[in-house]
Amino acid sequence: MCLAIPGKIKSIELQYNGAVRVASVLFGGITKKASLEMLPDAEVGDYVLVHVGVAISKVDEEEAQKSFKYLEELGELGELDDVDNYLP
């Protein structure tokens, strides 16, 4: 099953000669990189849903925490190790 995982943007940098905005996103205690190309207005501190290394929508903090807790209870967070494989 493919899921979007909620996380908080900790920092944003430009990569690939300034062509791509990439965020460091905190998922519980795990930090991964995610492209912000679908969310040009995303800022540090925003909560986003990340699917295969791409932030696809913003969510509020309460919803992000509920979703993350639910996914953790279901054991669906093991795939976080694969996120870096899907970055542009």
Foldseek 3Di string as FASTA:
>chain_A
DWFWAKWFFADWDADPVRPWIKTFTQQPPDTDIATAPCPPPDDHGWIFTGTLRYGNGTDDPVVNVVVSVVCVVVVNCPCVVRSVVRHD
